[in-house]
């Protein structure tokens, strides 16, 4: 699909972040201040049932304790992405495409109409509970190419996410991942621990796939109503994939191909990407892409960076609105 416009604003693409992007206080300034955002967050909290009271309290208090645990990070990232998308769409923005990273693809699936919000939250709970029963592990951000890493990784450590050239997330169990970090640092490779206590997108998640598949198989799945670029295949989600339970069940164990998916998206036209996740994490990744660096496409974040000063926190949303309007989109927001 070629979407390059000869005139008029560039089409909008919504980006949804995954585990690792979370930080204390993310999106808290919008709760109570933006009715659409607040109602959407409450919709997700209601569906989370008995877990909601603690999650809501932690979210509003901006607590850091436990924020790297899957049972806290995953539902809050999902709720935040969904609520931000609802807010953006309430302005009259109709995205031409969607792209999510890890749990962000579950948000994209709801926005695209592949699954309902209640079903997506139910599957998220099932998956998250199963993930917490896997052996302790984690993820490691590495500034290197997969070819460079091949001879340095111990058994049990794999590439869990390919975010771009020399932007890799390794995943695995705790001890092998620590060994990988030691080896890489000894070779002068830049490494940073990601905010995850489980080895997502590695073989540690195979039992989660097995336990989730029956539940996904009972879920109503539909072809996407909005083009959804999958970070598990690197290409737009087809109708057959969208309704295949094994596709959705296996995502937690498969590598995230965010970089290749972004390449495919930006090869198909010029876009205004809107990072709907916290901490400007996907904005930071997208800015390094040649299509963004050249100005053919652009990216804007709705939420502020982590630990931003108060003026930046409260100025992020108005700034995003001004940027989207400057593109030529007519927004129904003051």
C-alpha atoms as a PDB file:
ATOM      1  CA  UNK A   1       0.000   0.000   0.000  1.00  0.00           C
ATOM      2  CA  UNK A   2       1.556   3.271  -1.109  1.00  0.00           C
ATOM      3  CA  UNK A   3       0.358   6.109   1.095  1.00  0.00           C
ATOM      4  CA  UNK A   4       2.668   8.941   0.114  1.00  0.00           C
ATOM      5  CA  UNK A   5       0.513  12.045  -0.220  1.00  0.00           C
ATOM      6  CA  UNK A   6       1.139  14.619  -2.950  1.00  0.00           C
ATOM      7  CA  UNK A   7      -0.663  17.250  -0.846  1.00  0.00           C
ATOM      8  CA  UNK A   8      -2.278  17.479   2.542  1.00  0.00           C
ATOM      9  CA  UNK A   9      -1.094  16.208   5.917  1.00  0.00           C
ATOM     10  CA  UNK A  10       0.926  13.048   6.233  1.00  0.00           C
ATOM     11  CA  UNK A  11      -1.182  10.108   7.494  1.00  0.00           C
ATOM     12  CA  UNK A  12      -0.894   9.299  11.196  1.00  0.00           C
ATOM     13  CA  UNK A  13       0.527   6.073  12.603  1.00  0.00           C
ATOM     14  CA  UNK A  14       0.093   5.246  16.301  1.00  0.00           C
ATOM     15  CA  UNK A  15       2.971   3.517  18.114  1.00  0.00           C
ATOM     16  CA  UNK A  16       2.436   1.514  21.325  1.00  0.00           C
ATOM     17  CA  UNK A  17       5.281   0.681  23.712  1.00  0.00           C
ATOM     18  CA  UNK A  18       6.036  -2.579  25.506  1.00  0.00           C
ATOM     19  CA  UNK A  19       7.804  -3.775  28.657  1.00  0.00           C
ATOM     20  CA  UNK A  20      10.810  -1.655  29.497  1.00  0.00           C
ATOM     21  CA  UNK A  21       9.183   1.670  28.646  1.00  0.00           C
ATOM     22  CA  UNK A  22       7.393   1.935  32.000  1.00  0.00           C
ATOM     23  CA  UNK A  23       8.441   4.501  34.583  1.00  0.00           C
ATOM     24  CA  UNK A  24       6.966   5.955  37.800  1.00  0.00           C
ATOM     25  CA  UNK A  25       4.243   8.506  37.217  1.00  0.00           C
ATOM     26  CA  UNK A  26       3.760   7.675  33.544  1.00  0.00           C
ATOM     27  CA  UNK A  27       0.585   9.356  32.310  1.00  0.00           C
ATOM     28  CA  UNK A  28      -0.560  10.199  35.824  1.00  0.00           C
ATOM     29  CA  UNK A  29      -0.934  13.912  34.961  1.00  0.00           C
ATOM     30  CA  UNK A  30      -3.685  13.075  32.436  1.00  0.00           C
ATOM     31  CA  UNK A  31      -5.797  11.068  34.878  1.00  0.00           C
ATOM     32  CA  UNK A  32      -8.614  13.294  36.136  1.00  0.00           C
ATOM     33  CA  UNK A  33      -7.539  16.114  33.794  1.00  0.00           C
ATOM     34  CA  UNK A  34      -8.541  14.457  30.507  1.00  0.00           C
ATOM     35  CA  UNK A  35     -12.004  12.821  30.751  1.00  0.00           C
ATOM     36  CA  UNK A  36     -11.570  10.509  27.751  1.00  0.00           C
ATOM     37  CA  UNK A  37      -8.197   9.280  29.007  1.00  0.00           C
ATOM     38  CA  UNK A  38      -9.524   8.818  32.544  1.00  0.00           C
ATOM     39  CA  UNK A  39     -12.607   6.876  31.401  1.00  0.00           C
ATOM     40  CA  UNK A  40     -10.474   4.584  29.238  1.00  0.00           C
ATOM     41  CA  UNK A  41      -8.067   3.865  32.103  1.00  0.00           C
ATOM     42  CA  UNK A  42     -11.069   3.074  34.323  1.00  0.00           C
ATOM     43  CA  UNK A  43     -12.476   0.724  31.665  1.00  0.00           C
ATOM     44  CA  UNK A  44      -9.282  -1.307  31.805  1.00  0.00           C
ATOM     45  CA  UNK A  45      -9.086  -1.189  35.601  1.00  0.00           C
ATOM     46  CA  UNK A  46     -12.684  -2.459  35.823  1.00  0.00           C
ATOM     47  CA  UNK A  47     -11.803  -5.391  33.561  1.00  0.00           C
ATOM     48  CA  UNK A  48      -8.735  -6.221  35.662  1.00  0.00           C
ATOM     49  CA  UNK A  49     -11.015  -7.108  38.586  1.00  0.00           C
ATOM     50  CA  UNK A  50      -9.343  -7.817  41.921  1.00  0.00           C
ATOM     51  CA  UNK A  51      -5.972  -6.586  40.639  1.00  0.00           C
ATOM     52  CA  UNK A  52      -7.316  -3.132  39.826  1.00  0.00           C
ATOM     53  CA  UNK A  53      -7.277  -1.533  43.276  1.00  0.00           C
ATOM     54  CA  UNK A  54      -3.539  -2.043  43.811  1.00  0.00           C
ATOM     55  CA  UNK A  55      -2.660  -1.166  40.210  1.00  0.00           C
ATOM     56  CA  UNK A  56      -4.720   2.030  40.300  1.00  0.00           C
ATOM     57  CA  UNK A  57      -3.146   3.026  43.631  1.00  0.00           C
ATOM     58  CA  UNK A  58       0.373   2.327  42.343  1.00  0.00           C
ATOM     59  CA  UNK A  59      -0.344   4.238  39.125  1.00  0.00           C
ATOM     60  CA  UNK A  60      -1.702   7.298  40.911  1.00  0.00           C
ATOM     61  CA  UNK A  61       1.052   7.280  43.535  1.00  0.00           C
ATOM     62  CA  UNK A  62       3.767   6.938  40.906  1.00  0.00           C
ATOM     63  CA  UNK A  63       5.369   4.080  42.834  1.00  0.00           C
ATOM     64  CA  UNK A  64       8.550   2.534  41.496  1.00  0.00           C
ATOM     65  CA  UNK A  65       8.514  -0.552  43.720  1.00  0.00           C
ATOM     66  CA  UNK A  66       7.410  -3.536  41.665  1.00  0.00           C
ATOM     67  CA  UNK A  67       7.123  -1.572  38.428  1.00  0.00           C
ATOM     68  CA  UNK A  68       9.549  -3.924  36.680  1.00  0.00           C
ATOM     69  CA  UNK A  69       7.416  -6.952  37.568  1.00  0.00           C
ATOM     70  CA  UNK A  70       5.246  -8.262  34.758  1.00  0.00           C
ATOM     71  CA  UNK A  71       2.056  -8.327  36.825  1.00  0.00           C
ATOM     72  CA  UNK A  72       2.352  -4.559  37.349  1.00  0.00           C
ATOM     73  CA  UNK A  73       4.130  -3.305  34.229  1.00  0.00           C
ATOM     74  CA  UNK A  74       2.139  -5.210  31.592  1.00  0.00           C
ATOM     75  CA  UNK A  75      -1.416  -4.185  32.564  1.00  0.00           C
ATOM     76  CA  UNK A  76      -0.367  -0.581  33.247  1.00  0.00           C
ATOM     77  CA  UNK A  77       1.413  -0.299  29.883  1.00  0.00           C
ATOM     78  CA  UNK A  78      -1.619  -1.808  28.170  1.00  0.00           C
ATOM     79  CA  UNK A  79      -4.043   0.541  29.974  1.00  0.00           C
ATOM     80  CA  UNK A  80      -1.890   3.589  29.280  1.00  0.00           C
ATOM     81  CA  UNK A  81      -1.509   2.776  25.577  1.00  0.00           C
ATOM     82  CA  UNK A  82      -5.220   2.119  25.178  1.00  0.00           C
ATOM     83  CA  UNK A  83      -6.232   5.291  27.057  1.00  0.00           C
ATOM     84  CA  UNK A  84      -3.796   7.449  25.081  1.00  0.00           C
ATOM     85  CA  UNK A  85      -5.105   6.015  21.808  1.00  0.00           C
ATOM     86  CA  UNK A  86      -8.673   6.771  22.858  1.00  0.00           C
ATOM     87  CA  UNK A  87      -7.639  10.335  23.719  1.00  0.00           C
ATOM     88  CA  UNK A  88      -5.908  10.864  20.370  1.00  0.00           C
ATOM     89  CA  UNK A  89      -8.866   9.451  18.450  1.00  0.00           C
ATOM     90  CA  UNK A  90     -11.257  11.682  20.410  1.00  0.00           C
ATOM     91  CA  UNK A  91      -9.512  14.646  18.761  1.00  0.00           C
ATOM     92  CA  UNK A  92     -10.692  13.376  15.368  1.00  0.00           C
ATOM     93  CA  UNK A  93      -7.420  11.651  14.430  1.00  0.00           C
ATOM     94  CA  UNK A  94      -8.031   8.517  12.366  1.00  0.00           C
ATOM     95  CA  UNK A  95      -4.791   6.544  12.137  1.00  0.00           C
ATOM     96  CA  UNK A  96      -3.801   5.063   8.810  1.00  0.00           C
ATOM     97  CA  UNK A  97      -1.758   2.362  10.540  1.00  0.00           C
ATOM     98  CA  UNK A  98      -0.712   0.970  13.922  1.00  0.00           C
ATOM     99  CA  UNK A  99       2.516  -0.551  15.227  1.00  0.00           C
ATOM    100  CA  UNK A 100       3.065  -1.964  18.714  1.00  0.00           C
ATOM    101  CA  UNK A 101       6.136  -3.259  20.533  1.00  0.00           C
ATOM    102  CA  UNK A 102       5.542  -6.467  22.564  1.00  0.00           C
ATOM    103  CA  UNK A 103       2.455  -5.896  24.755  1.00  0.00           C
ATOM    104  CA  UNK A 104       1.894  -2.785  22.640  1.00  0.00           C
ATOM    105  CA  UNK A 105       0.758  -5.057  19.820  1.00  0.00           C
ATOM    106  CA  UNK A 106      -2.112  -6.196  22.040  1.00  0.00           C
ATOM    107  CA  UNK A 107      -3.183  -2.543  22.312  1.00  0.00           C
ATOM    108  CA  UNK A 108      -2.888  -2.198  18.533  1.00  0.00           C
ATOM    109  CA  UNK A 109      -5.054  -5.306  18.119  1.00  0.00           C
ATOM    110  CA  UNK A 110      -7.842  -3.692  20.164  1.00  0.00           C
ATOM    111  CA  UNK A 111      -7.586  -0.357  18.324  1.00  0.00           C
ATOM    112  CA  UNK A 112      -7.656  -2.232  15.000  1.00  0.00           C
ATOM    113  CA  UNK A 113     -10.730  -4.239  16.029  1.00  0.00           C
ATOM    114  CA  UNK A 114      -8.979  -7.626  15.921  1.00  0.00           C
ATOM    115  CA  UNK A 115     -10.183  -8.396  19.440  1.00  0.00           C
ATOM    116  CA  UNK A 116     -12.436  -6.692  21.942  1.00  0.00           C
ATOM    117  CA  UNK A 117     -11.098  -4.813  24.947  1.00  0.00           C
ATOM    118  CA  UNK A 118     -12.547  -7.333  27.453  1.00  0.00           C
ATOM    119  CA  UNK A 119     -11.013 -10.247  25.557  1.00  0.00           C
ATOM    120  CA  UNK A 120      -7.641  -8.534  25.266  1.00  0.00           C
ATOM    121  CA  UNK A 121      -7.540  -7.779  29.003  1.00  0.00           C
ATOM    122  CA  UNK A 122      -8.587 -11.345  29.856  1.00  0.00           C
ATOM    123  CA  UNK A 123      -5.797 -12.739  27.679  1.00  0.00           C
ATOM    124  CA  UNK A 124      -3.335 -10.254  29.155  1.00  0.00           C
ATOM    125  CA  UNK A 125      -4.156 -11.448  32.679  1.00  0.00           C
ATOM    126  CA  UNK A 126      -3.759 -15.103  31.697  1.00  0.00           C
ATOM    127  CA  UNK A 127      -0.479 -14.463  29.921  1.00  0.00           C
ATOM    128  CA  UNK A 128       0.974 -12.275  32.653  1.00  0.00           C
ATOM    129  CA  UNK A 129       0.137 -14.723  35.427  1.00  0.00           C
ATOM    130  CA  UNK A 130       1.792 -17.536  33.460  1.00  0.00           C
ATOM    131  CA  UNK A 131       4.864 -15.390  32.745  1.00  0.00           C
ATOM    132  CA  UNK A 132       5.425 -14.735  36.444  1.00  0.00           C
ATOM    133  CA  UNK A 133       5.743 -18.498  36.993  1.00  0.00           C
ATOM    134  CA  UNK A 134       8.689 -18.808  34.598  1.00  0.00           C
ATOM    135  CA  UNK A 135      12.273 -18.930  35.934  1.00  0.00           C
ATOM    136  CA  UNK A 136      13.796 -15.562  36.907  1.00  0.00           C
ATOM    137  CA  UNK A 137      15.243 -13.803  33.899  1.00  0.00           C
ATOM    138  CA  UNK A 138      15.457 -10.457  32.205  1.00  0.00           C
ATOM    139  CA  UNK A 139      16.361  -8.462  29.151  1.00  0.00           C
ATOM    140  CA  UNK A 140      19.523  -6.582  28.214  1.00  0.00           C
ATOM    141  CA  UNK A 141      19.702  -3.633  25.791  1.00  0.00           C
ATOM    142  CA  UNK A 142      22.838  -3.896  23.672  1.00  0.00           C
ATOM    143  CA  UNK A 143      24.370  -1.497  21.144  1.00  0.00           C
ATOM    144  CA  UNK A 144      25.539  -4.080  18.623  1.00  0.00           C
ATOM    145  CA  UNK A 145      24.388  -5.987  15.566  1.00  0.00           C
ATOM    146  CA  UNK A 146      23.150  -9.602  15.797  1.00  0.00           C
ATOM    147  CA  UNK A 147      26.170 -10.789  13.777  1.00  0.00           C
ATOM    148  CA  UNK A 148      28.542  -9.201  16.279  1.00  0.00           C
ATOM    149  CA  UNK A 149      26.771 -10.898  19.173  1.00  0.00           C
ATOM    150  CA  UNK A 150      26.601 -14.397  17.716  1.00  0.00           C
ATOM    151  CA  UNK A 151      29.883 -15.681  19.172  1.00  0.00           C
ATOM    152  CA  UNK A 152      29.518 -13.883  22.505  1.00  0.00           C
ATOM    153  CA  UNK A 153      26.189 -15.206  23.749  1.00  0.00           C
ATOM    154  CA  UNK A 154      26.082 -18.149  26.176  1.00  0.00           C
ATOM    155  CA  UNK A 155      23.533 -20.894  25.708  1.00  0.00           C
ATOM    156  CA  UNK A 156      20.066 -19.777  26.756  1.00  0.00           C
ATOM    157  CA  UNK A 157      20.466 -16.120  25.756  1.00  0.00           C
ATOM    158  CA  UNK A 158      18.772 -15.033  22.525  1.00  0.00           C
ATOM    159  CA  UNK A 159      17.909 -11.899  20.614  1.00  0.00           C
ATOM    160  CA  UNK A 160      14.535 -10.992  22.108  1.00  0.00           C
ATOM    161  CA  UNK A 161      13.978  -7.804  20.136  1.00  0.00           C
ATOM    162  CA  UNK A 162      15.492  -6.250  17.032  1.00  0.00           C
ATOM    163  CA  UNK A 163      14.678  -2.566  17.407  1.00  0.00           C
ATOM    164  CA  UNK A 164      16.966  -1.193  14.724  1.00  0.00           C
ATOM    165  CA  UNK A 165      20.584  -1.293  13.533  1.00  0.00           C
ATOM    166  CA  UNK A 166      22.749  -1.880  16.595  1.00  0.00           C
ATOM    167  CA  UNK A 167      19.660  -1.705  18.813  1.00  0.00           C
ATOM    168  CA  UNK A 168      19.168  -5.161  20.281  1.00  0.00           C
ATOM    169  CA  UNK A 169      17.392  -6.549  23.317  1.00  0.00           C
ATOM    170  CA  UNK A 170      18.779  -9.852  24.581  1.00  0.00           C
ATOM    171  CA  UNK A 171      16.578 -12.142  26.647  1.00  0.00           C
ATOM    172  CA  UNK A 172      17.140 -15.175  28.821  1.00  0.00           C
ATOM    173  CA  UNK A 173      17.381 -16.629  32.302  1.00  0.00           C
ATOM    174  CA  UNK A 174      19.089 -14.673  35.063  1.00  0.00           C
ATOM    175  CA  UNK A 175      22.467 -16.444  35.243  1.00  0.00           C
ATOM    176  CA  UNK A 176      23.124 -16.789  31.474  1.00  0.00           C
ATOM    177  CA  UNK A 177      22.051 -13.189  30.923  1.00  0.00           C
ATOM    178  CA  UNK A 178      24.502 -11.988  33.594  1.00  0.00           C
ATOM    179  CA  UNK A 179      27.236 -14.008  31.880  1.00  0.00           C
ATOM    180  CA  UNK A 180      26.325 -12.456  28.523  1.00  0.00           C
ATOM    181  CA  UNK A 181      26.507  -8.977  30.038  1.00  0.00           C
ATOM    182  CA  UNK A 182      29.929  -9.701  31.518  1.00  0.00           C
ATOM    183  CA  UNK A 183      31.269 -11.009  28.194  1.00  0.00           C
ATOM    184  CA  UNK A 184      29.898  -8.066  26.230  1.00  0.00           C
ATOM    185  CA  UNK A 185      31.222  -5.445  28.624  1.00  0.00           C
ATOM    186  CA  UNK A 186      34.642  -7.103  28.489  1.00  0.00           C
ATOM    187  CA  UNK A 187      34.542  -6.578  24.711  1.00  0.00           C
ATOM    188  CA  UNK A 188      33.608  -2.927  25.117  1.00  0.00           C
ATOM    189  CA  UNK A 189      30.008  -3.402  24.008  1.00  0.00           C
ATOM    190  CA  UNK A 190      27.563  -0.953  25.572  1.00  0.00           C
ATOM    191  CA  UNK A 191      24.887  -2.727  27.639  1.00  0.00           C
ATOM    192  CA  UNK A 192      21.990  -1.652  29.831  1.00  0.00           C
ATOM    193  CA  UNK A 193      19.541  -3.769  31.805  1.00  0.00           C
ATOM    194  CA  UNK A 194      15.961  -3.334  30.587  1.00  0.00           C
ATOM    195  CA  UNK A 195      13.103  -2.979  33.056  1.00  0.00           C
ATOM    196  CA  UNK A 196      12.000  -6.600  33.064  1.00  0.00           C
ATOM    197  CA  UNK A 197      12.319  -9.442  35.568  1.00  0.00           C
ATOM    198  CA  UNK A 198      11.248 -12.144  33.084  1.00  0.00           C
ATOM    199  CA  UNK A 199      12.960 -13.370  29.938  1.00  0.00           C
ATOM    200  CA  UNK A 200      10.250 -12.277  27.526  1.00  0.00           C
ATOM    201  CA  UNK A 201      10.616 -13.297  23.887  1.00  0.00           C
ATOM    202  CA  UNK A 202      12.841 -16.244  24.691  1.00  0.00           C
ATOM    203  CA  UNK A 203      12.429 -19.998  25.157  1.00  0.00           C
ATOM    204  CA  UNK A 204      11.570 -19.339  28.818  1.00  0.00           C
ATOM    205  CA  UNK A 205       8.125 -18.285  27.583  1.00  0.00           C
ATOM    206  CA  UNK A 206       7.319 -21.577  25.798  1.00  0.00           C
ATOM    207  CA  UNK A 207       5.215 -22.848  28.758  1.00  0.00           C
ATOM    208  CA  UNK A 208       3.281 -19.558  28.655  1.00  0.00           C
ATOM    209  CA  UNK A 209       2.422 -20.182  25.007  1.00  0.00           C
ATOM    210  CA  UNK A 210       1.124 -23.663  25.813  1.00  0.00           C
ATOM    211  CA  UNK A 211      -1.013 -22.410  28.683  1.00  0.00           C
ATOM    212  CA  UNK A 212      -2.396 -19.419  26.742  1.00  0.00           C
ATOM    213  CA  UNK A 213      -3.323 -21.182  23.503  1.00  0.00           C
ATOM    214  CA  UNK A 214      -6.626 -22.740  24.674  1.00  0.00           C
ATOM    215  CA  UNK A 215      -7.834 -19.387  25.990  1.00  0.00           C
ATOM    216  CA  UNK A 216      -6.894 -17.585  22.750  1.00  0.00           C
ATOM    217  CA  UNK A 217      -8.637 -20.323  20.755  1.00  0.00           C
ATOM    218  CA  UNK A 218     -11.906 -19.457  22.548  1.00  0.00           C
ATOM    219  CA  UNK A 219     -11.549 -15.761  21.685  1.00  0.00           C
ATOM    220  CA  UNK A 220     -13.387 -14.040  18.835  1.00  0.00           C
ATOM    221  CA  UNK A 221     -10.732 -12.752  16.412  1.00  0.00           C
ATOM    222  CA  UNK A 222     -11.378 -10.578  13.369  1.00  0.00           C
ATOM    223  CA  UNK A 223      -9.317  -9.167  10.482  1.00  0.00           C
ATOM    224  CA  UNK A 224      -7.961  -5.699  11.291  1.00  0.00           C
ATOM    225  CA  UNK A 225     -10.116  -2.700  10.348  1.00  0.00           C
ATOM    226  CA  UNK A 226      -6.980  -0.499  10.474  1.00  0.00           C
ATOM    227  CA  UNK A 227      -3.689  -1.572   8.912  1.00  0.00           C
ATOM    228  CA  UNK A 228      -1.609  -3.148  11.680  1.00  0.00           C
ATOM    229  CA  UNK A 229       2.106  -3.641  11.120  1.00  0.00           C
ATOM    230  CA  UNK A 230       3.074  -6.640  13.214  1.00  0.00           C
ATOM    231  CA  UNK A 231       6.323  -6.521  15.152  1.00  0.00           C
ATOM    232  CA  UNK A 232       6.372 -10.338  15.078  1.00  0.00           C
ATOM    233  CA  UNK A 233       6.441 -10.719  11.306  1.00  0.00           C
ATOM    234  CA  UNK A 234       7.765  -7.346  10.177  1.00  0.00           C
ATOM    235  CA  UNK A 235       4.882  -6.841   7.744  1.00  0.00           C
ATOM    236  CA  UNK A 236       1.211  -5.812   7.801  1.00  0.00           C
ATOM    237  CA  UNK A 237      -0.990  -8.283   9.617  1.00  0.00           C
ATOM    238  CA  UNK A 238      -2.951 -10.407   7.160  1.00  0.00           C
ATOM    239  CA  UNK A 239      -6.492 -11.641   7.703  1.00  0.00           C
ATOM    240  CA  UNK A 240      -5.372 -15.253   8.186  1.00  0.00           C
ATOM    241  CA  UNK A 241      -2.766 -14.293  10.801  1.00  0.00           C
ATOM    242  CA  UNK A 242      -5.204 -12.023  12.620  1.00  0.00           C
ATOM    243  CA  UNK A 243      -7.665 -14.861  13.255  1.00  0.00           C
ATOM    244  CA  UNK A 244      -5.017 -17.515  14.023  1.00  0.00           C
ATOM    245  CA  UNK A 245      -4.941 -18.244  17.800  1.00  0.00           C
ATOM    246  CA  UNK A 246      -1.386 -19.599  17.603  1.00  0.00           C
ATOM    247  CA  UNK A 247      -0.159 -16.285  16.177  1.00  0.00           C
ATOM    248  CA  UNK A 248      -1.329 -14.391  19.260  1.00  0.00           C
ATOM    249  CA  UNK A 249      -0.363 -17.112  21.757  1.00  0.00           C
ATOM    250  CA  UNK A 250       3.222 -17.354  20.482  1.00  0.00           C
ATOM    251  CA  UNK A 251       3.986 -13.646  20.581  1.00  0.00           C
ATOM    252  CA  UNK A 252       5.350 -13.689  24.107  1.00  0.00           C
ATOM    253  CA  UNK A 253       8.013 -16.237  23.088  1.00  0.00           C
ATOM    254  CA  UNK A 254       8.857 -14.894  19.624  1.00  0.00           C
ATOM    255  CA  UNK A 255      11.413 -12.109  18.994  1.00  0.00           C
ATOM    256  CA  UNK A 256      10.061  -8.594  18.517  1.00  0.00           C
ATOM    257  CA  UNK A 257      10.957  -7.294  15.038  1.00  0.00           C
ATOM    258  CA  UNK A 258      10.127  -3.665  15.678  1.00  0.00           C
ATOM    259  CA  UNK A 259      12.980  -2.393  13.493  1.00  0.00           C
ATOM    260  CA  UNK A 260      12.017  -4.446  10.403  1.00  0.00           C
ATOM    261  CA  UNK A 261       8.333  -3.563  10.899  1.00  0.00           C
ATOM    262  CA  UNK A 262       9.228   0.136  11.088  1.00  0.00           C
ATOM    263  CA  UNK A 263      11.366  -0.253   7.946  1.00  0.00           C
ATOM    264  CA  UNK A 264       8.420  -1.791   6.089  1.00  0.00           C
ATOM    265  CA  UNK A 265       6.016   0.881   7.300  1.00  0.00           C
ATOM    266  CA  UNK A 266       8.237   3.817   6.351  1.00  0.00           C
ATOM    267  CA  UNK A 267       9.052   2.261   2.964  1.00  0.00           C
ATOM    268  CA  UNK A 268       5.342   2.416   2.158  1.00  0.00           C
ATOM    269  CA  UNK A 269       4.931   6.169   2.482  1.00  0.00           C
ATOM    270  CA  UNK A 270       5.571   9.313   4.465  1.00  0.00           C
ATOM    271  CA  UNK A 271       3.867   9.436   7.854  1.00  0.00           C
ATOM    272  CA  UNK A 272       3.501  11.348  11.077  1.00  0.00           C
ATOM    273  CA  UNK A 273       4.200   8.788  13.792  1.00  0.00           C
ATOM    274  CA  UNK A 274       2.641   9.421  17.204  1.00  0.00           C
ATOM    275  CA  UNK A 275       4.283   7.670  20.147  1.00  0.00           C
ATOM    276  CA  UNK A 276       1.310   6.812  22.396  1.00  0.00           C
ATOM    277  CA  UNK A 277       3.479   5.134  25.034  1.00  0.00           C
ATOM    278  CA  UNK A 278       5.394   6.408  28.063  1.00  0.00           C
ATOM    279  CA  UNK A 279       8.872   7.853  28.286  1.00  0.00           C
ATOM    280  CA  UNK A 280       9.288   8.654  24.576  1.00  0.00           C
ATOM    281  CA  UNK A 281      10.793   5.184  24.194  1.00  0.00           C
ATOM    282  CA  UNK A 282       9.516   4.515  20.669  1.00  0.00           C
ATOM    283  CA  UNK A 283      10.083   8.125  19.636  1.00  0.00           C
ATOM    284  CA  UNK A 284      13.755   7.615  20.539  1.00  0.00           C
ATOM    285  CA  UNK A 285      13.948   4.490  18.380  1.00  0.00           C
ATOM    286  CA  UNK A 286      12.078   6.024  15.441  1.00  0.00           C
ATOM    287  CA  UNK A 287      14.175   9.202  15.363  1.00  0.00           C
ATOM    288  CA  UNK A 288      17.199   7.157  14.315  1.00  0.00           C
ATOM    289  CA  UNK A 289      15.474   5.835  11.215  1.00  0.00           C
ATOM    290  CA  UNK A 290      16.707   7.402   7.941  1.00  0.00           C
ATOM    291  CA  UNK A 291      13.158   8.286   6.875  1.00  0.00           C
ATOM    292  CA  UNK A 292      12.723  10.327  10.067  1.00  0.00           C
ATOM    293  CA  UNK A 293      16.221  11.800  10.060  1.00  0.00           C
ATOM    294  CA  UNK A 294      15.729  12.984   6.468  1.00  0.00           C
ATOM    295  CA  UNK A 295      12.384  14.621   7.269  1.00  0.00           C
ATOM    296  CA  UNK A 296      10.335  12.444   4.889  1.00  0.00           C
ATOM    297  CA  UNK A 297       8.412  11.225   7.937  1.00  0.00           C
ATOM    298  CA  UNK A 298       8.278  12.628  11.450  1.00  0.00           C
ATOM    299  CA  UNK A 299       7.501  11.478  14.978  1.00  0.00           C
ATOM    300  CA  UNK A 300       5.924  13.166  17.998  1.00  0.00           C
ATOM    301  CA  UNK A 301       5.280  11.922  21.541  1.00  0.00           C
ATOM    302  CA  UNK A 302       2.069  12.577  23.475  1.00  0.00           C
ATOM    303  CA  UNK A 303       3.604  11.723  26.864  1.00  0.00           C
ATOM    304  CA  UNK A 304       6.747  13.294  28.375  1.00  0.00           C
ATOM    305  CA  UNK A 305      10.140  11.687  28.991  1.00  0.00           C
ATOM    306  CA  UNK A 306      10.667   9.759  32.205  1.00  0.00           C
ATOM    307  CA  UNK A 307      11.414  11.942  35.241  1.00  0.00           C
ATOM    308  CA  UNK A 308      10.762  15.130  33.280  1.00  0.00           C
ATOM    309  CA  UNK A 309      10.397  18.441  35.086  1.00  0.00           C
ATOM    310  CA  UNK A 310       6.848  19.557  35.852  1.00  0.00           C
ATOM    311  CA  UNK A 311       6.710  22.089  33.005  1.00  0.00           C
ATOM    312  CA  UNK A 312       7.728  19.422  30.473  1.00  0.00           C
ATOM    313  CA  UNK A 313       5.216  16.943  31.896  1.00  0.00           C
ATOM    314  CA  UNK A 314       2.280  19.325  31.556  1.00  0.00           C
ATOM    315  CA  UNK A 315       3.524  20.797  28.292  1.00  0.00           C
ATOM    316  CA  UNK A 316       3.886  17.482  26.450  1.00  0.00           C
ATOM    317  CA  UNK A 317       0.235  17.101  25.451  1.00  0.00           C
ATOM    318  CA  UNK A 318      -0.313  20.710  24.239  1.00  0.00           C
ATOM    319  CA  UNK A 319       2.971  20.470  22.341  1.00  0.00           C
ATOM    320  CA  UNK A 320       1.833  17.265  20.621  1.00  0.00           C
ATOM    321  CA  UNK A 321      -1.504  18.859  19.701  1.00  0.00           C
ATOM    322  CA  UNK A 322       0.300  21.842  18.140  1.00  0.00           C
ATOM    323  CA  UNK A 323       2.613  19.561  16.200  1.00  0.00           C
ATOM    324  CA  UNK A 324      -0.240  17.432  14.820  1.00  0.00           C
ATOM    325  CA  UNK A 325      -2.174  20.573  13.848  1.00  0.00           C
ATOM    326  CA  UNK A 326       0.901  22.046  12.161  1.00  0.00           C
ATOM    327  CA  UNK A 327       0.893  18.995   9.910  1.00  0.00           C
ATOM    328  CA  UNK A 328      -2.549  20.027   8.673  1.00  0.00           C
ATOM    329  CA  UNK A 329      -4.763  17.698  10.691  1.00  0.00           C
ATOM    330  CA  UNK A 330      -7.941  19.347  11.984  1.00  0.00           C
ATOM    331  CA  UNK A 331      -8.354  18.461  15.648  1.00  0.00           C
ATOM    332  CA  UNK A 332     -11.444  18.881  17.826  1.00  0.00           C
ATOM    333  CA  UNK A 333      -9.496  19.895  20.936  1.00  0.00           C
ATOM    334  CA  UNK A 334      -8.786  23.261  22.550  1.00  0.00           C
END
